[in-house]
Amino acid sequence: MKPQQKRDMNEVFLSLIPQPVKMIVNSGSFIFNDDTVIQTDLELEKISEYLKDLITPPTGFKMQIEVGGSNQLQKNMITFTLNEELNLDKEGYHLLATPEHIHISAPKPENTKKVESGNQSGI
């Protein structure tokens, strides 16, 4: 197995809004499929539905949304969680994307409002 290459934020452009303060880019890709599950906290269910609505038409994937659950990162899963301990500004969020899973967390639901309304993109 080849070691993962880490690249600096200045070497790579990703369409993320708001732009991250810090980013480490590794090799690999998360691949969506019919078995991909979106797990979410109740307060973030709307954003999960929004993501599903963006992905389903062009792919045909009918991903299942689980509200609540263990919030443990599992293979082929996208998780949205609230973590009040995160020290982030008004639009701040934490994104971890690996070939196995995607985890997005924010300190409060307000941090996701612009994404929910469609004024922002780039999950």
PDB file of N, CA and C in Angstrom:
ATOM      1  N   MET A   1       0.829  -1.175   0.000  1.00  0.00           N
ATOM      2  CA  MET A   1       0.000   0.000   0.000  1.00  0.00           C
ATOM      3  C   MET A   1       0.883   1.252   0.000  1.00  0.00           C
ATOM      4  N   LYS A   2       0.534   2.182  -0.830  1.00  0.00           N
ATOM      5  CA  LYS A   2       1.275   3.420  -0.986  1.00  0.00           C
ATOM      6  C   LYS A   2       0.943   4.400   0.145  1.00  0.00           C
ATOM      7  N   PRO A   3       1.961   5.071   0.734  1.00  0.00           N
ATOM      8  CA  PRO A   3       1.658   6.035   1.797  1.00  0.00           C
ATOM      9  C   PRO A   3       0.862   7.219   1.246  1.00  0.00           C
ATOM     10  N   GLN A   4      -0.028   7.749   2.074  1.00  0.00           N
ATOM     11  CA  GLN A   4      -0.828   8.889   1.643  1.00  0.00           C
ATOM     12  C   GLN A   4       0.042  10.127   1.530  1.00  0.00           C
ATOM     13  N   GLN A   5      -0.221  10.894   0.488  1.00  0.00           N
ATOM     14  CA  GLN A   5       0.494  12.150   0.295  1.00  0.00           C
ATOM     15  C   GLN A   5      -0.324  13.270   0.912  1.00  0.00           C
ATOM     16  N   LYS A   6       0.314  14.100   1.698  1.00  0.00           N
ATOM     17  CA  LYS A   6      -0.356  15.268   2.264  1.00  0.00           C
ATOM     18  C   LYS A   6       0.066  16.474   1.452  1.00  0.00           C
ATOM     19  N   ARG A   7      -0.913  17.296   1.117  1.00  0.00           N
ATOM     20  CA  ARG A   7      -0.632  18.499   0.352  1.00  0.00           C
ATOM     21  C   ARG A   7      -1.121  19.719   1.114  1.00  0.00           C
ATOM     22  N   ASP A   8      -0.460  20.803   0.924  1.00  0.00           N
ATOM     23  CA  ASP A   8      -0.813  22.064   1.554  1.00  0.00           C
ATOM     24  C   ASP A   8      -2.041  22.650   0.864  1.00  0.00           C
ATOM     25  N   MET A   9      -2.800  23.443   1.609  1.00  0.00           N
ATOM     26  CA  MET A   9      -3.992  24.096   1.090  1.00  0.00           C
ATOM     27  C   MET A   9      -3.698  24.932  -0.150  1.00  0.00           C
ATOM     28  N   ASN A  10      -2.508  25.509  -0.247  1.00  0.00           N
ATOM     29  CA  ASN A  10      -2.159  26.351  -1.385  1.00  0.00           C
ATOM     30  C   ASN A  10      -1.948  25.551  -2.669  1.00  0.00           C
ATOM     31  N   GLU A  11      -1.751  24.242  -2.561  1.00  0.00           N
ATOM     32  CA  GLU A  11      -1.496  23.409  -3.729  1.00  0.00           C
ATOM     33  C   GLU A  11      -2.768  22.865  -4.365  1.00  0.00           C
ATOM     34  N   VAL A  12      -3.891  22.997  -3.690  1.00  0.00           N
ATOM     35  CA  VAL A  12      -5.120  22.375  -4.140  1.00  0.00           C
ATOM     36  C   VAL A  12      -6.266  23.367  -4.032  1.00  0.00           C
ATOM     37  N   PHE A  13      -7.192  23.332  -5.000  1.00  0.00           N
ATOM     38  CA  PHE A  13      -8.377  24.176  -4.918  1.00  0.00           C
ATOM     39  C   PHE A  13      -9.590  23.282  -4.745  1.00  0.00           C
ATOM     40  N   LEU A  14     -10.319  23.494  -3.681  1.00  0.00           N
ATOM     41  CA  LEU A  14     -11.579  22.799  -3.462  1.00  0.00           C
ATOM     42  C   LEU A  14     -12.662  23.852  -3.318  1.00  0.00           C
ATOM     43  N   SER A  15     -13.801  23.579  -3.900  1.00  0.00           N
ATOM     44  CA  SER A  15     -14.907  24.523  -3.841  1.00  0.00           C
ATOM     45  C   SER A  15     -15.652  24.364  -2.523  1.00  0.00           C
ATOM     46  N   LEU A  16     -15.160  25.018  -1.504  1.00  0.00           N
ATOM     47  CA  LEU A  16     -15.778  24.992  -0.189  1.00  0.00           C
ATOM     48  C   LEU A  16     -16.096  26.411   0.240  1.00  0.00           C
ATOM     49  N   ILE A  17     -17.320  26.608   0.737  1.00  0.00           N
ATOM     50  CA  ILE A  17     -17.731  27.920   1.201  1.00  0.00           C
ATOM     51  C   ILE A  17     -18.317  27.745   2.589  1.00  0.00           C
ATOM     52  N   PRO A  18     -17.885  28.455   3.584  1.00  0.00           N
ATOM     53  CA  PRO A  18     -16.757  29.373   3.531  1.00  0.00           C
ATOM     54  C   PRO A  18     -15.439  28.617   3.385  1.00  0.00           C
ATOM     55  N   GLN A  19     -14.457  29.284   2.814  1.00  0.00           N
ATOM     56  CA  GLN A  19     -13.138  28.684   2.641  1.00  0.00           C
ATOM     57  C   GLN A  19     -12.561  28.326   4.006  1.00  0.00           C
ATOM     58  N   PRO A  20     -11.939  27.174   4.105  1.00  0.00           N
ATOM     59  CA  PRO A  20     -11.378  26.767   5.402  1.00  0.00           C
ATOM     60  C   PRO A  20     -10.194  27.622   5.818  1.00  0.00           C
ATOM     61  N   VAL A  21     -10.052  27.768   7.125  1.00  0.00           N
ATOM     62  CA  VAL A  21      -8.895  28.454   7.681  1.00  0.00           C
ATOM     63  C   VAL A  21      -7.683  27.543   7.543  1.00  0.00           C
ATOM     64  N   LYS A  22      -7.907  26.251   7.711  1.00  0.00           N
ATOM     65  CA  LYS A  22      -6.842  25.263   7.625  1.00  0.00           C
ATOM     66  C   LYS A  22      -7.386  24.033   6.903  1.00  0.00           C
ATOM     67  N   MET A  23      -6.553  23.449   6.041  1.00  0.00           N
ATOM     68  CA  MET A  23      -6.974  22.258   5.327  1.00  0.00           C
ATOM     69  C   MET A  23      -5.766  21.390   5.036  1.00  0.00           C
ATOM     70  N   ILE A  24      -5.913  20.096   5.271  1.00  0.00           N
ATOM     71  CA  ILE A  24      -4.896  19.118   4.890  1.00  0.00           C
ATOM     72  C   ILE A  24      -5.553  18.190   3.888  1.00  0.00           C
ATOM     73  N   VAL A  25      -4.976  18.083   2.711  1.00  0.00           N
ATOM     74  CA  VAL A  25      -5.550  17.270   1.650  1.00  0.00           C
ATOM     75  C   VAL A  25      -4.738  15.995   1.503  1.00  0.00           C
ATOM     76  N   ASN A  26      -5.422  14.861   1.629  1.00  0.00           N
ATOM     77  CA  ASN A  26      -4.800  13.550   1.446  1.00  0.00           C
ATOM     78  C   ASN A  26      -5.291  12.959   0.132  1.00  0.00           C
ATOM     79  N   SER A  27      -4.693  11.863  -0.279  1.00  0.00           N
ATOM     80  CA  SER A  27      -5.146  11.201  -1.500  1.00  0.00           C
ATOM     81  C   SER A  27      -6.376  10.358  -1.188  1.00  0.00           C
ATOM     82  N   GLY A  28      -7.124  10.011  -2.224  1.00  0.00           N
ATOM     83  CA  GLY A  28      -8.298   9.164  -2.072  1.00  0.00           C
ATOM     84  C   GLY A  28      -9.577   9.930  -2.310  1.00  0.00           C
ATOM     85  N   SER A  29     -10.669   9.188  -2.486  1.00  0.00           N
ATOM     86  CA  SER A  29     -11.979   9.777  -2.764  1.00  0.00           C
ATOM     87  C   SER A  29     -13.064   8.984  -2.067  1.00  0.00           C
ATOM     88  N   PHE A  30     -14.077   9.681  -1.607  1.00  0.00           N
ATOM     89  CA  PHE A  30     -15.270   9.029  -1.094  1.00  0.00           C
ATOM     90  C   PHE A  30     -16.178   8.816  -2.287  1.00  0.00           C
ATOM     91  N   ILE A  31     -16.694   7.613  -2.444  1.00  0.00           N
ATOM     92  CA  ILE A  31     -17.545   7.299  -3.593  1.00  0.00           C
ATOM     93  C   ILE A  31     -18.963   7.017  -3.110  1.00  0.00           C
ATOM     94  N   PHE A  32     -19.909   7.831  -3.587  1.00  0.00           N
ATOM     95  CA  PHE A  32     -21.318   7.651  -3.258  1.00  0.00           C
ATOM     96  C   PHE A  32     -21.865   6.453  -4.031  1.00  0.00           C
ATOM     97  N   ASN A  33     -22.830   5.736  -3.416  1.00  0.00           N
ATOM     98  CA  ASN A  33     -23.538   4.678  -4.134  1.00  0.00           C
ATOM     99  C   ASN A  33     -24.903   4.473  -3.477  1.00  0.00           C
ATOM    100  N   ASP A  34     -25.679   3.502  -3.960  1.00  0.00           N
ATOM    101  CA  ASP A  34     -27.022   3.260  -3.420  1.00  0.00           C
ATOM    102  C   ASP A  34     -27.006   2.880  -1.947  1.00  0.00           C
ATOM    103  N   ASP A  35     -25.897   2.363  -1.460  1.00  0.00           N
ATOM    104  CA  ASP A  35     -25.810   1.933  -0.069  1.00  0.00           C
ATOM    105  C   ASP A  35     -25.300   3.015   0.871  1.00  0.00           C
ATOM    106  N   THR A  36     -24.945   4.195   0.335  1.00  0.00           N
ATOM    107  CA  THR A  36     -24.468   5.284   1.186  1.00  0.00           C
ATOM    108  C   THR A  36     -25.602   5.729   2.113  1.00  0.00           C
ATOM    109  N   VAL A  37     -25.281   5.884   3.385  1.00  0.00           N
ATOM    110  CA  VAL A  37     -26.254   6.300   4.398  1.00  0.00           C
ATOM    111  C   VAL A  37     -25.861   7.675   4.912  1.00  0.00           C
ATOM    112  N   ILE A  38     -26.861   8.534   5.099  1.00  0.00           N
ATOM    113  CA  ILE A  38     -26.644   9.837   5.725  1.00  0.00           C
ATOM    114  C   ILE A  38     -27.206   9.734   7.134  1.00  0.00           C
ATOM    115  N   GLN A  39     -26.340   9.913   8.125  1.00  0.00           N
ATOM    116  CA  GLN A  39     -26.771   9.874   9.527  1.00  0.00           C
ATOM    117  C   GLN A  39     -26.692  11.294  10.067  1.00  0.00           C
ATOM    118  N   THR A  40     -27.719  11.718  10.780  1.00  0.00           N
ATOM    119  CA  THR A  40     -27.779  13.111  11.197  1.00  0.00           C
ATOM    120  C   THR A  40     -28.404  13.291  12.571  1.00  0.00           C
ATOM    121  N   ASP A  41     -27.995  14.335  13.245  1.00  0.00           N
ATOM    122  CA  ASP A  41     -28.692  14.770  14.450  1.00  0.00           C
ATOM    123  C   ASP A  41     -30.032  15.372  14.008  1.00  0.00           C
ATOM    124  N   LEU A  42     -31.032  15.301  14.867  1.00  0.00           N
ATOM    125  CA  LEU A  42     -32.365  15.801  14.544  1.00  0.00           C
ATOM    126  C   LEU A  42     -32.336  17.252  14.064  1.00  0.00           C
ATOM    127  N   GLU A  43     -31.523  18.085  14.728  1.00  0.00           N
ATOM    128  CA  GLU A  43     -31.466  19.511  14.376  1.00  0.00           C
ATOM    129  C   GLU A  43     -30.877  19.750  12.987  1.00  0.00           C
ATOM    130  N   LEU A  44     -30.199  18.771  12.425  1.00  0.00           N
ATOM    131  CA  LEU A  44     -29.559  18.937  11.112  1.00  0.00           C
ATOM    132  C   LEU A  44     -30.230  18.087  10.030  1.00  0.00           C
ATOM    133  N   GLU A  45     -31.436  17.623  10.310  1.00  0.00           N
ATOM    134  CA  GLU A  45     -32.138  16.774   9.338  1.00  0.00           C
ATOM    135  C   GLU A  45     -32.393  17.504   8.019  1.00  0.00           C
ATOM    136  N   LYS A  46     -32.718  18.799   8.082  1.00  0.00           N
ATOM    137  CA  LYS A  46     -32.979  19.566   6.852  1.00  0.00           C
ATOM    138  C   LYS A  46     -31.759  19.600   5.930  1.00  0.00           C
ATOM    139  N   ILE A  47     -30.574  19.787   6.510  1.00  0.00           N
ATOM    140  CA  ILE A  47     -29.364  19.839   5.695  1.00  0.00           C
ATOM    141  C   ILE A  47     -29.074  18.472   5.080  1.00  0.00           C
ATOM    142  N   SER A  48     -29.417  17.414   5.793  1.00  0.00           N
ATOM    143  CA  SER A  48     -29.241  16.062   5.254  1.00  0.00           C
ATOM    144  C   SER A  48     -30.183  15.829   4.077  1.00  0.00           C
ATOM    145  N   GLU A  49     -31.424  16.283   4.210  1.00  0.00           N
ATOM    146  CA  GLU A  49     -32.388  16.176   3.107  1.00  0.00           C
ATOM    147  C   GLU A  49     -31.911  16.988   1.902  1.00  0.00           C
ATOM    148  N   TYR A  50     -31.348  18.166   2.173  1.00  0.00           N
ATOM    149  CA  TYR A  50     -30.827  19.023   1.102  1.00  0.00           C
ATOM    150  C   TYR A  50     -29.706  18.307   0.333  1.00  0.00           C
ATOM    151  N   LEU A  51     -28.792  17.682   1.055  1.00  0.00           N
ATOM    152  CA  LEU A  51     -27.708  16.942   0.404  1.00  0.00           C
ATOM    153  C   LEU A  51     -28.261  15.802  -0.429  1.00  0.00           C
ATOM    154  N   LYS A  52     -29.184  15.053   0.130  1.00  0.00           N
ATOM    155  CA  LYS A  52     -29.798  13.941  -0.601  1.00  0.00           C
ATOM    156  C   LYS A  52     -30.484  14.452  -1.872  1.00  0.00           C
ATOM    157  N   ASP A  53     -31.206  15.577  -1.758  1.00  0.00           N
ATOM    158  CA  ASP A  53     -31.895  16.159  -2.911  1.00  0.00           C
ATOM    159  C   ASP A  53     -30.920  16.627  -3.994  1.00  0.00           C
ATOM    160  N   LEU A  54     -29.715  17.017  -3.608  1.00  0.00           N
ATOM    161  CA  LEU A  54     -28.699  17.415  -4.586  1.00  0.00           C
ATOM    162  C   LEU A  54     -28.104  16.209  -5.305  1.00  0.00           C
ATOM    163  N   ILE A  55     -27.909  15.119  -4.582  1.00  0.00           N
ATOM    164  CA  ILE A  55     -27.212  13.955  -5.133  1.00  0.00           C
ATOM    165  C   ILE A  55     -28.127  13.014  -5.905  1.00  0.00           C
ATOM    166  N   THR A  56     -29.372  12.850  -5.461  1.00  0.00           N
ATOM    167  CA  THR A  56     -30.262  11.863  -6.066  1.00  0.00           C
ATOM    168  C   THR A  56     -30.569  12.106  -7.543  1.00  0.00           C
ATOM    169  N   PRO A  57     -30.971  13.300  -7.982  1.00  0.00           N
ATOM    170  CA  PRO A  57     -31.329  13.455  -9.396  1.00  0.00           C
ATOM    171  C   PRO A  57     -30.215  13.095 -10.392  1.00  0.00           C
ATOM    172  N   PRO A  58     -28.992  13.575 -10.220  1.00  0.00           N
ATOM    173  CA  PRO A  58     -27.982  13.233 -11.229  1.00  0.00           C
ATOM    174  C   PRO A  58     -27.450  11.796 -11.125  1.00  0.00           C
ATOM    175  N   THR A  59     -27.600  11.159  -9.953  1.00  0.00           N
ATOM    176  CA  THR A  59     -27.015   9.826  -9.764  1.00  0.00           C
ATOM    177  C   THR A  59     -28.038   8.700  -9.736  1.00  0.00           C
ATOM    178  N   GLY A  60     -29.260   9.019  -9.318  1.00  0.00           N
ATOM    179  CA  GLY A  60     -30.268   7.990  -9.131  1.00  0.00           C
ATOM    180  C   GLY A  60     -30.132   7.271  -7.802  1.00  0.00           C
ATOM    181  N   PHE A  61     -29.127   7.618  -7.004  1.00  0.00           N
ATOM    182  CA  PHE A  61     -28.936   6.968  -5.704  1.00  0.00           C
ATOM    183  C   PHE A  61     -30.026   7.426  -4.737  1.00  0.00           C
ATOM    184  N   LYS A  62     -30.671   6.480  -4.115  1.00  0.00           N
ATOM    185  CA  LYS A  62     -31.725   6.779  -3.145  1.00  0.00           C
ATOM    186  C   LYS A  62     -31.185   6.510  -1.739  1.00  0.00           C
ATOM    187  N   MET A  63     -30.325   7.393  -1.301  1.00  0.00           N
ATOM    188  CA  MET A  63     -29.658   7.210  -0.010  1.00  0.00           C
ATOM    189  C   MET A  63     -30.643   7.310   1.144  1.00  0.00           C
ATOM    190  N   GLN A  64     -30.440   6.480   2.127  1.00  0.00           N
ATOM    191  CA  GLN A  64     -31.261   6.459   3.333  1.00  0.00           C
ATOM    192  C   GLN A  64     -30.737   7.500   4.313  1.00  0.00           C
ATOM    193  N   ILE A  65     -31.661   8.189   4.986  1.00  0.00           N
ATOM    194  CA  ILE A  65     -31.292   9.126   6.049  1.00  0.00           C
ATOM    195  C   ILE A  65     -31.714   8.525   7.375  1.00  0.00           C
ATOM    196  N   GLU A  66     -30.757   8.442   8.304  1.00  0.00           N
ATOM    197  CA  GLU A  66     -31.021   7.961   9.661  1.00  0.00           C
ATOM    198  C   GLU A  66     -30.903   9.139  10.616  1.00  0.00           C
ATOM    199  N   VAL A  67     -31.972   9.440  11.324  1.00  0.00           N
ATOM    200  CA  VAL A  67     -31.946  10.524  12.302  1.00  0.00           C
ATOM    201  C   VAL A  67     -31.607   9.926  13.664  1.00  0.00           C
ATOM    202  N   GLY A  68     -30.645  10.524  14.322  1.00  0.00           N
ATOM    203  CA  GLY A  68     -30.174   9.985  15.593  1.00  0.00           C
ATOM    204  C   GLY A  68     -29.099   8.946  15.320  1.00  0.00           C
ATOM    205  N   GLY A  69     -29.078   7.898  16.057  1.00  0.00           N
ATOM    206  CA  GLY A  69     -28.080   6.857  15.819  1.00  0.00           C
ATOM    207  C   GLY A  69     -26.853   7.059  16.677  1.00  0.00           C
ATOM    208  N   SER A  70     -25.854   6.280  16.380  1.00  0.00           N
ATOM    209  CA  SER A  70     -24.665   6.241  17.228  1.00  0.00           C
ATOM    210  C   SER A  70     -23.663   7.354  16.950  1.00  0.00           C
ATOM    211  N   ASN A  71     -23.760   8.012  15.809  1.00  0.00           N
ATOM    212  CA  ASN A  71     -22.796   9.035  15.397  1.00  0.00           C
ATOM    213  C   ASN A  71     -21.370   8.490  15.318  1.00  0.00           C
ATOM    214  N   GLN A  72     -21.229   7.188  15.207  1.00  0.00           N
ATOM    215  CA  GLN A  72     -19.914   6.605  15.007  1.00  0.00           C
ATOM    216  C   GLN A  72     -19.636   6.548  13.518  1.00  0.00           C
ATOM    217  N   LEU A  73     -18.426   6.924  13.141  1.00  0.00           N
ATOM    218  CA  LEU A  73     -18.057   6.935  11.735  1.00  0.00           C
ATOM    219  C   LEU A  73     -17.975   5.501  11.228  1.00  0.00           C
ATOM    220  N   GLN A  74     -18.802   5.208  10.239  1.00  0.00           N
ATOM    221  CA  GLN A  74     -18.823   3.883   9.640  1.00  0.00           C
ATOM    222  C   GLN A  74     -18.556   3.995   8.153  1.00  0.00           C
ATOM    223  N   LYS A  75     -18.172   2.888   7.566  1.00  0.00           N
ATOM    224  CA  LYS A  75     -17.873   2.861   6.139  1.00  0.00           C
ATOM    225  C   LYS A  75     -19.121   3.214   5.323  1.00  0.00           C
ATOM    226  N   ASN A  76     -18.918   3.985   4.270  1.00  0.00           N
ATOM    227  CA  ASN A  76     -19.965   4.386   3.326  1.00  0.00           C
ATOM    228  C   ASN A  76     -21.063   5.209   3.998  1.00  0.00           C
ATOM    229  N   MET A  77     -20.658   6.090   4.908  1.00  0.00           N
ATOM    230  CA  MET A  77     -21.612   6.897   5.659  1.00  0.00           C
ATOM    231  C   MET A  77     -21.191   8.364   5.661  1.00  0.00           C
ATOM    232  N   ILE A  78     -22.196   9.223   5.611  1.00  0.00           N
ATOM    233  CA  ILE A  78     -22.010  10.660   5.780  1.00  0.00           C
ATOM    234  C   ILE A  78     -22.706  11.019   7.084  1.00  0.00           C
ATOM    235  N   THR A  79     -22.017  11.693   7.984  1.00  0.00           N
ATOM    236  CA  THR A  79     -22.635  12.064   9.253  1.00  0.00           C
ATOM    237  C   THR A  79     -22.634  13.583   9.423  1.00  0.00           C
ATOM    238  N   PHE A  80     -23.753  14.095   9.917  1.00  0.00           N
ATOM    239  CA  PHE A  80     -23.904  15.499  10.296  1.00  0.00           C
ATOM    240  C   PHE A  80     -24.164  15.519  11.795  1.00  0.00           C
ATOM    241  N   THR A  81     -23.295  16.195  12.542  1.00  0.00           N
ATOM    242  CA  THR A  81     -23.472  16.238  13.990  1.00  0.00           C
ATOM    243  C   THR A  81     -23.255  17.647  14.531  1.00  0.00           C
ATOM    244  N   LEU A  82     -23.852  17.884  15.679  1.00  0.00           N
ATOM    245  CA  LEU A  82     -23.606  19.111  16.428  1.00  0.00           C
ATOM    246  C   LEU A  82     -22.611  18.796  17.526  1.00  0.00           C
ATOM    247  N   ASN A  83     -21.647  19.692  17.702  1.00  0.00           N
ATOM    248  CA  ASN A  83     -20.646  19.534  18.747  1.00  0.00           C
ATOM    249  C   ASN A  83     -20.380  20.919  19.327  1.00  0.00           C
ATOM    250  N   GLU A  84     -21.054  21.218  20.412  1.00  0.00           N
ATOM    251  CA  GLU A  84     -20.945  22.545  21.030  1.00  0.00           C
ATOM    252  C   GLU A  84     -19.545  22.861  21.523  1.00  0.00           C
ATOM    253  N   GLU A  85     -18.695  21.857  21.638  1.00  0.00           N
ATOM    254  CA  GLU A  85     -17.326  22.079  22.107  1.00  0.00           C
ATOM    255  C   GLU A  85     -16.412  22.628  21.010  1.00  0.00           C
ATOM    256  N   LEU A  86     -16.865  22.611  19.763  1.00  0.00           N
ATOM    257  CA  LEU A  86     -16.045  23.169  18.683  1.00  0.00           C
ATOM    258  C   LEU A  86     -15.951  24.678  18.868  1.00  0.00           C
ATOM    259  N   ASN A  87     -14.762  25.201  18.798  1.00  0.00           N
ATOM    260  CA  ASN A  87     -14.535  26.633  18.956  1.00  0.00           C
ATOM    261  C   ASN A  87     -14.419  27.250  17.563  1.00  0.00           C
ATOM    262  N   LEU A  88     -15.580  27.529  16.952  1.00  0.00           N
ATOM    263  CA  LEU A  88     -15.607  28.041  15.580  1.00  0.00           C
ATOM    264  C   LEU A  88     -16.451  29.308  15.501  1.00  0.00           C
ATOM    265  N   ASP A  89     -16.214  30.108  14.445  1.00  0.00           N
ATOM    266  CA  ASP A  89     -16.997  31.326  14.272  1.00  0.00           C
ATOM    267  C   ASP A  89     -18.398  30.999  13.753  1.00  0.00           C
ATOM    268  N   LYS A  90     -19.147  32.036  13.412  1.00  0.00           N
ATOM    269  CA  LYS A  90     -20.561  31.918  13.046  1.00  0.00           C
ATOM    270  C   LYS A  90     -20.821  30.929  11.904  1.00  0.00           C
ATOM    271  N   GLU A  91     -19.980  30.904  10.887  1.00  0.00           N
ATOM    272  CA  GLU A  91     -20.189  30.005   9.761  1.00  0.00           C
ATOM    273  C   GLU A  91     -19.247  28.806   9.798  1.00  0.00           C
ATOM    274  N   GLY A  92     -18.569  28.593  10.906  1.00  0.00           N
ATOM    275  CA  GLY A  92     -17.564  27.553  10.996  1.00  0.00           C
ATOM    276  C   GLY A  92     -18.141  26.147  11.090  1.00  0.00           C
ATOM    277  N   TYR A  93     -17.417  25.220  10.520  1.00  0.00           N
ATOM    278  CA  TYR A  93     -17.767  23.812  10.593  1.00  0.00           C
ATOM    279  C   TYR A  93     -16.491  22.997  10.477  1.00  0.00           C
ATOM    280  N   HIS A  94     -16.553  21.744  10.847  1.00  0.00           N
ATOM    281  CA  HIS A  94     -15.427  20.834  10.738  1.00  0.00           C
ATOM    282  C   HIS A  94     -15.810  19.762   9.724  1.00  0.00           C
ATOM    283  N   LEU A  95     -14.949  19.521   8.760  1.00  0.00           N
ATOM    284  CA  LEU A  95     -15.204  18.540   7.703  1.00  0.00           C
ATOM    285  C   LEU A  95     -14.061  17.539   7.674  1.00  0.00           C
ATOM    286  N   LEU A  96     -14.400  16.277   7.773  1.00  0.00           N
ATOM    287  CA  LEU A  96     -13.429  15.199   7.644  1.00  0.00           C
ATOM    288  C   LEU A  96     -13.935  14.291   6.531  1.00  0.00           C
ATOM    289  N   ALA A  97     -13.177  14.191   5.462  1.00  0.00           N
ATOM    290  CA  ALA A  97     -13.562  13.335   4.336  1.00  0.00           C
ATOM    291  C   ALA A  97     -12.448  12.332   4.082  1.00  0.00           C
ATOM    292  N   THR A  98     -12.798  11.069   4.113  1.00  0.00           N
ATOM    293  CA  THR A  98     -11.860   9.995   3.828  1.00  0.00           C
ATOM    294  C   THR A  98     -12.508   9.093   2.777  1.00  0.00           C
ATOM    295  N   PRO A  99     -11.773   8.150   2.222  1.00  0.00           N
ATOM    296  CA  PRO A  99     -12.400   7.214   1.282  1.00  0.00           C
ATOM    297  C   PRO A  99     -13.505   6.371   1.931  1.00  0.00           C
ATOM    298  N   GLU A 100     -13.515   6.260   3.253  1.00  0.00           N
ATOM    299  CA  GLU A 100     -14.510   5.440   3.954  1.00  0.00           C
ATOM    300  C   GLU A 100     -15.752   6.206   4.385  1.00  0.00           C
ATOM    301  N   HIS A 101     -15.607   7.478   4.760  1.00  0.00           N
ATOM    302  CA  HIS A 101     -16.744   8.233   5.291  1.00  0.00           C
ATOM    303  C   HIS A 101     -16.503   9.744   5.182  1.00  0.00           C
ATOM    304  N   ILE A 102     -17.604  10.484   5.380  1.00  0.00           N
ATOM    305  CA  ILE A 102     -17.549  11.942   5.461  1.00  0.00           C
ATOM    306  C   ILE A 102     -18.227  12.330   6.765  1.00  0.00           C
ATOM    307  N   HIS A 103     -17.584  13.200   7.535  1.00  0.00           N
ATOM    308  CA  HIS A 103     -18.150  13.661   8.798  1.00  0.00           C
ATOM    309  C   HIS A 103     -18.123  15.184   8.809  1.00  0.00           C
ATOM    310  N   ILE A 104     -19.291  15.775   9.014  1.00  0.00           N
ATOM    311  CA  ILE A 104     -19.408  17.234   9.070  1.00  0.00           C
ATOM    312  C   ILE A 104     -20.018  17.583  10.419  1.00  0.00           C
ATOM    313  N   SER A 105     -19.336  18.461  11.158  1.00  0.00           N
ATOM    314  CA  SER A 105     -19.863  18.869  12.456  1.00  0.00           C
ATOM    315  C   SER A 105     -19.773  20.384  12.600  1.00  0.00           C
ATOM    316  N   ALA A 106     -20.699  20.914  13.380  1.00  0.00           N
ATOM    317  CA  ALA A 106     -20.758  22.353  13.641  1.00  0.00           C
ATOM    318  C   ALA A 106     -21.153  22.547  15.096  1.00  0.00           C
ATOM    319  N   PRO A 107     -20.785  23.697  15.677  1.00  0.00           N
ATOM    320  CA  PRO A 107     -21.126  23.916  17.082  1.00  0.00           C
ATOM    321  C   PRO A 107     -22.618  24.147  17.316  1.00  0.00           C
ATOM    322  N   LYS A 108     -23.328  24.695  16.343  1.00  0.00           N
ATOM    323  CA  LYS A 108     -24.768  24.929  16.480  1.00  0.00           C
ATOM    324  C   LYS A 108     -25.440  24.878  15.120  1.00  0.00           C
ATOM    325  N   PRO A 109     -26.746  24.635  15.081  1.00  0.00           N
ATOM    326  CA  PRO A 109     -27.452  24.527  13.801  1.00  0.00           C
ATOM    327  C   PRO A 109     -27.342  25.785  12.946  1.00  0.00           C
ATOM    328  N   GLU A 110     -27.179  26.945  13.570  1.00  0.00           N
ATOM    329  CA  GLU A 110     -27.094  28.203  12.812  1.00  0.00           C
ATOM    330  C   GLU A 110     -25.930  28.186  11.818  1.00  0.00           C
ATOM    331  N   ASN A 111     -24.907  27.402  12.085  1.00  0.00           N
ATOM    332  CA  ASN A 111     -23.745  27.348  11.204  1.00  0.00           C
ATOM    333  C   ASN A 111     -24.085  26.723   9.850  1.00  0.00           C
ATOM    334  N   THR A 112     -25.242  26.098   9.723  1.00  0.00           N
ATOM    335  CA  THR A 112     -25.611  25.442   8.471  1.00  0.00           C
ATOM    336  C   THR A 112     -26.715  26.177   7.717  1.00  0.00           C
ATOM    337  N   LYS A 113     -27.220  27.278   8.225  1.00  0.00           N
ATOM    338  CA  LYS A 113     -28.394  27.940   7.645  1.00  0.00           C
ATOM    339  C   LYS A 113     -28.209  28.345   6.185  1.00  0.00           C
ATOM    340  N   LYS A 114     -27.044  28.877   5.798  1.00  0.00           N
ATOM    341  CA  LYS A 114     -26.854  29.312   4.418  1.00  0.00           C
ATOM    342  C   LYS A 114     -26.825  28.114   3.474  1.00  0.00           C
ATOM    343  N   VAL A 115     -26.302  27.004   3.917  1.00  0.00           N
ATOM    344  CA  VAL A 115     -26.287  25.805   3.077  1.00  0.00           C
ATOM    345  C   VAL A 115     -27.711  25.323   2.896  1.00  0.00           C
ATOM    346  N   GLU A 116     -28.492  25.268   3.964  1.00  0.00           N
ATOM    347  CA  GLU A 116     -29.873  24.808   3.887  1.00  0.00           C
ATOM    348  C   GLU A 116     -30.688  25.617   2.913  1.00  0.00           C
ATOM    349  N   SER A 117     -30.493  26.921   2.877  1.00  0.00           N
ATOM    350  CA  SER A 117     -31.327  27.769   2.033  1.00  0.00           C
ATOM    351  C   SER A 117     -30.857  27.784   0.588  1.00  0.00           C
ATOM    352  N   GLY A 118     -29.759  27.101   0.283  1.00  0.00           N
ATOM    353  CA  GLY A 118     -29.295  27.052  -1.101  1.00  0.00           C
ATOM    354  C   GLY A 118     -28.420  28.219  -1.479  1.00  0.00           C
ATOM    355  N   ASN A 119     -28.092  29.104  -0.549  1.00  0.00           N
ATOM    356  CA  ASN A 119     -27.238  30.262  -0.842  1.00  0.00           C
ATOM    357  C   ASN A 119     -25.772  29.911  -0.811  1.00  0.00           C
ATOM    358  N   GLN A 120     -25.455  28.701  -0.480  1.00  0.00           N
ATOM    359  CA  GLN A 120     -24.069  28.306  -0.296  1.00  0.00           C
ATOM    360  C   GLN A 120     -23.941  26.873  -0.782  1.00  0.00           C
ATOM    361  N   SER A 121     -22.797  26.512  -1.334  1.00  0.00           N
ATOM    362  CA  SER A 121     -22.615  25.136  -1.779  1.00  0.00           C
ATOM    363  C   SER A 121     -21.222  24.669  -1.487  1.00  0.00           C
ATOM    364  N   GLY A 122     -20.984  23.380  -1.662  1.00  0.00           N
ATOM    365  CA  GLY A 122     -19.642  22.864  -1.530  1.00  0.00           C
ATOM    366  C   GLY A 122     -19.425  21.893  -0.404  1.00  0.00           C
ATOM    367  N   ILE A 123     -20.429  21.126  -0.097  1.00  0.00           N
ATOM    368  CA  ILE A 123     -20.226  20.125   0.951  1.00  0.00           C
ATOM    369  C   ILE A 123     -19.268  19.082   0.431  1.00  0.00           C
TER     370      ILE A 123
END
